[in-house]
């Protein structure tokens, strides 16, 4: 009788330890280590003042922005392979990771989606959104030099094979 009781006590003890480990693992898996929350150093205004290129999140537009150090610039976009549209940037601001770009209508005077772009920098990615009355258009942009460098390296490697 004694061995049955001790065996059942041991089994309960093992079960408690197992349950404690499971609870501990669940608790640890739901919390991220502190290093996962560390953010990189935000880009400076000078690092933002360059050429950015990317796509709308619906992948219908290419967008290129030239942000000049004086707070002005120019931009352009292509919608699904149509004629490129160009616009001037009256002003742009970058403060505490937030970004605002105020465009002037395209020189051709055509009506477009061009509106103020607002967003933020997430690492090295510029996330911007233009909003209208019942629509919004979001973009993800990276420094154009990153695309050019990578594209040229890939093209060169592929021509050698």
Foldseek 3Di string as FASTA:
>chain_A
DVVVVVVVVVVVVVVVVVVVVVVVVVVVVVDDDPVVPDADDDDDLVVVQAKKWWAWPVRQKIKIWHHHSVFWTKIWMDGNPDDIFIWIWPGWDADPFKIKTAIDHTPVPDDDLDGIWIAGDRRQWTWTWRDDPPDIIIIIIGHVVVVVVVVVVVVVVVVVD
